[in-house]
N, C-alpha and C. Protein backbone atom coordinates (compact mmCIF):
# COMPACT_ATOMS: atom_id res chain seq x y z
N UNK A 1 98.97 97.50 161.39
CA UNK A 1 98.56 97.54 160.01
C UNK A 1 99.06 98.85 159.39
N UNK A 2 99.44 98.79 158.13
CA UNK A 2 99.92 99.97 157.41
C UNK A 2 98.83 100.52 156.48
N UNK A 3 98.79 101.83 156.38
CA UNK A 3 97.88 102.48 155.44
C UNK A 3 98.66 103.44 154.56
N UNK A 4 98.29 103.50 153.30
CA UNK A 4 98.95 104.36 152.34
C UNK A 4 98.76 105.83 152.69
N UNK A 5 99.82 106.60 152.49
CA UNK A 5 99.74 108.06 152.67
C UNK A 5 99.30 108.73 151.37
N UNK A 6 99.13 107.93 150.32
CA UNK A 6 98.62 108.40 149.02
C UNK A 6 99.32 109.67 148.52
N UNK A 7 100.66 109.63 148.61
CA UNK A 7 101.45 110.75 148.10
C UNK A 7 101.62 111.90 149.06
N UNK A 8 101.04 111.83 150.25
CA UNK A 8 101.10 112.94 151.20
C UNK A 8 102.29 112.85 152.15
N UNK A 9 103.05 111.76 152.11
CA UNK A 9 104.16 111.59 153.04
C UNK A 9 105.44 112.24 152.54
N UNK A 10 106.32 112.56 153.48
CA UNK A 10 107.64 113.09 153.16
C UNK A 10 108.65 111.96 153.36
N UNK A 11 109.20 111.45 152.26
CA UNK A 11 110.11 110.32 152.29
C UNK A 11 109.46 109.09 152.92
N UNK A 12 108.15 108.99 152.80
CA UNK A 12 107.40 107.86 153.32
C UNK A 12 106.16 107.68 152.45
N UNK A 13 105.71 106.44 152.37
CA UNK A 13 104.49 106.20 151.60
C UNK A 13 103.44 105.42 152.40
N UNK A 14 103.79 104.98 153.62
CA UNK A 14 102.85 104.28 154.48
C UNK A 14 103.03 104.72 155.93
N UNK A 15 101.94 104.61 156.70
CA UNK A 15 101.97 104.92 158.14
C UNK A 15 101.46 103.70 158.91
N UNK A 16 102.16 103.41 160.01
CA UNK A 16 101.74 102.35 160.92
C UNK A 16 100.60 102.89 161.78
N UNK A 17 99.46 102.23 161.74
CA UNK A 17 98.27 102.69 162.48
C UNK A 17 98.50 102.73 163.99
N UNK A 18 99.25 101.77 164.51
CA UNK A 18 99.45 101.69 165.97
C UNK A 18 100.42 102.73 166.49
N UNK A 19 101.54 102.93 165.78
CA UNK A 19 102.58 103.82 166.30
C UNK A 19 102.57 105.20 165.66
N UNK A 20 101.97 105.32 164.49
CA UNK A 20 101.99 106.59 163.76
C UNK A 20 103.28 106.80 162.99
N UNK A 21 104.23 105.86 163.09
CA UNK A 21 105.50 105.98 162.38
C UNK A 21 105.26 105.83 160.88
N UNK A 22 106.05 106.58 160.10
CA UNK A 22 105.94 106.51 158.65
C UNK A 22 107.11 105.74 158.08
N UNK A 23 106.84 104.99 157.01
CA UNK A 23 107.84 104.12 156.39
C UNK A 23 107.77 104.26 154.87
N UNK A 24 108.90 103.96 154.24
CA UNK A 24 108.94 103.78 152.80
C UNK A 24 108.87 102.28 152.58
N UNK A 25 107.80 101.79 151.98
CA UNK A 25 107.64 100.37 151.70
C UNK A 25 107.66 100.20 150.19
N UNK A 26 108.59 99.35 149.74
CA UNK A 26 108.79 99.15 148.31
C UNK A 26 108.69 97.68 147.97
N UNK A 27 108.17 97.40 146.82
CA UNK A 27 108.18 96.03 146.33
C UNK A 27 109.57 95.67 145.85
N UNK A 28 109.82 94.40 145.71
CA UNK A 28 111.12 93.94 145.21
C UNK A 28 111.27 94.31 143.75
N UNK A 29 112.45 94.76 143.37
CA UNK A 29 112.73 95.16 142.01
C UNK A 29 113.68 94.16 141.35
N UNK A 30 113.48 93.91 140.09
CA UNK A 30 114.35 92.99 139.36
C UNK A 30 115.80 93.44 139.38
N UNK A 31 116.04 94.77 139.40
CA UNK A 31 117.41 95.29 139.36
C UNK A 31 118.03 95.44 140.75
N UNK A 32 117.30 95.11 141.81
CA UNK A 32 117.84 95.18 143.16
C UNK A 32 117.72 96.55 143.80
N UNK A 33 117.15 97.53 143.11
CA UNK A 33 116.99 98.87 143.67
C UNK A 33 115.80 98.94 144.61
N UNK A 34 115.83 98.13 145.65
CA UNK A 34 114.68 97.95 146.53
C UNK A 34 114.57 99.02 147.62
N UNK A 35 115.56 99.87 147.78
CA UNK A 35 115.53 100.86 148.86
C UNK A 35 115.35 102.27 148.31
N UNK A 36 114.85 103.16 149.15
CA UNK A 36 114.69 104.56 148.76
C UNK A 36 116.06 105.21 148.62
N UNK A 37 116.93 104.96 149.59
CA UNK A 37 118.31 105.43 149.57
C UNK A 37 119.21 104.21 149.68
N UNK A 38 120.47 104.37 149.40
CA UNK A 38 121.39 103.25 149.47
C UNK A 38 121.39 102.58 150.83
N UNK A 39 121.58 101.29 150.84
CA UNK A 39 121.62 100.57 152.11
C UNK A 39 121.67 99.08 151.89
N UNK A 40 121.66 98.37 152.99
CA UNK A 40 121.71 96.92 152.96
C UNK A 40 120.31 96.34 153.02
N UNK A 41 120.05 95.38 152.19
CA UNK A 41 118.77 94.67 152.18
C UNK A 41 119.01 93.31 152.82
N UNK A 42 118.26 93.02 153.89
CA UNK A 42 118.29 91.71 154.53
C UNK A 42 117.17 90.87 153.91
N UNK A 43 117.51 89.67 153.49
CA UNK A 43 116.54 88.80 152.82
C UNK A 43 116.16 87.67 153.78
N UNK A 44 114.91 87.64 154.20
CA UNK A 44 114.43 86.63 155.15
C UNK A 44 114.57 85.23 154.57
N UNK A 45 114.89 84.29 155.46
CA UNK A 45 115.06 82.90 155.04
C UNK A 45 113.84 82.34 154.32
N UNK A 46 112.64 82.71 154.79
CA UNK A 46 111.43 82.12 154.22
C UNK A 46 111.07 82.63 152.83
N UNK A 47 111.74 83.66 152.36
CA UNK A 47 111.46 84.18 151.01
C UNK A 47 112.71 84.24 150.12
N UNK A 48 113.84 83.79 150.64
CA UNK A 48 115.10 83.93 149.91
C UNK A 48 115.07 83.22 148.56
N UNK A 49 114.57 82.00 148.51
CA UNK A 49 114.52 81.26 147.24
C UNK A 49 113.66 82.00 146.22
N UNK A 50 112.49 82.46 146.63
CA UNK A 50 111.62 83.19 145.71
C UNK A 50 112.28 84.47 145.23
N UNK A 51 112.93 85.22 146.15
CA UNK A 51 113.59 86.47 145.78
C UNK A 51 114.64 86.24 144.69
N UNK A 52 115.53 85.27 144.92
CA UNK A 52 116.62 85.06 143.96
C UNK A 52 116.19 84.32 142.70
N UNK A 53 115.29 83.37 142.82
CA UNK A 53 114.90 82.57 141.66
C UNK A 53 113.81 83.24 140.82
N UNK A 54 112.78 83.77 141.46
CA UNK A 54 111.62 84.28 140.74
C UNK A 54 111.72 85.78 140.42
N UNK A 55 112.10 86.56 141.42
CA UNK A 55 112.12 88.02 141.23
C UNK A 55 113.39 88.48 140.53
N UNK A 56 114.55 88.10 141.07
CA UNK A 56 115.81 88.56 140.50
C UNK A 56 116.32 87.69 139.37
N UNK A 57 115.83 86.46 139.27
CA UNK A 57 116.28 85.51 138.24
C UNK A 57 117.80 85.32 138.27
N UNK A 58 118.31 85.14 139.49
CA UNK A 58 119.74 84.95 139.71
C UNK A 58 119.94 83.76 140.64
N UNK A 59 119.67 82.54 140.17
CA UNK A 59 119.74 81.36 141.04
C UNK A 59 121.11 81.14 141.67
N UNK A 60 122.15 81.63 141.04
CA UNK A 60 123.49 81.44 141.59
C UNK A 60 123.71 82.24 142.89
N UNK A 61 122.81 83.18 143.19
CA UNK A 61 122.93 84.02 144.38
C UNK A 61 122.04 83.52 145.53
N UNK A 62 121.35 82.41 145.35
CA UNK A 62 120.30 81.99 146.28
C UNK A 62 120.74 81.80 147.72
N UNK A 63 122.02 81.71 147.99
CA UNK A 63 122.49 81.54 149.36
C UNK A 63 122.80 82.86 150.06
N UNK A 64 122.77 83.98 149.33
CA UNK A 64 123.04 85.28 149.94
C UNK A 64 121.88 85.73 150.81
N UNK A 65 122.20 86.20 152.01
CA UNK A 65 121.17 86.65 152.95
C UNK A 65 121.02 88.17 152.98
N UNK A 66 121.96 88.88 152.35
CA UNK A 66 121.86 90.35 152.28
C UNK A 66 122.62 90.85 151.06
N UNK A 67 122.20 92.02 150.58
CA UNK A 67 122.87 92.68 149.46
C UNK A 67 122.85 94.19 149.68
N UNK A 68 123.69 94.89 148.98
CA UNK A 68 123.69 96.35 149.01
C UNK A 68 122.81 96.86 147.89
N UNK A 69 122.00 97.86 148.19
CA UNK A 69 121.15 98.49 147.19
C UNK A 69 121.60 99.93 147.03
N UNK A 70 121.72 100.36 145.78
CA UNK A 70 122.11 101.75 145.52
C UNK A 70 120.98 102.71 145.88
N UNK A 71 119.76 102.24 145.84
CA UNK A 71 118.61 103.06 146.20
C UNK A 71 117.94 103.70 145.00
N UNK A 72 116.71 104.08 145.20
CA UNK A 72 115.91 104.68 144.14
C UNK A 72 116.50 105.99 143.63
N UNK A 73 117.09 106.78 144.52
CA UNK A 73 117.58 108.11 144.16
C UNK A 73 119.07 108.17 143.90
N UNK A 74 119.70 107.03 143.61
CA UNK A 74 121.15 107.03 143.38
C UNK A 74 121.52 107.47 141.98
N UNK A 75 120.57 107.48 141.08
CA UNK A 75 120.86 107.81 139.68
C UNK A 75 120.82 109.27 139.41
């Protein structure tokens, strides 16, 4: 289970209770900037339709399983 670091993390906003590892967990963004830093986003099969149709509103992309994200701090 993950718990929020409530702003106390360094490049992380959640901690795994079992391992103590810290992660940056982000919600999906309409513009695709889903990562903290640039990288590849893997889109799980069970949510791919919702991601492309509902969140991104790009039905023509619905078969893509991964995309590149510029990241939150690329600007």
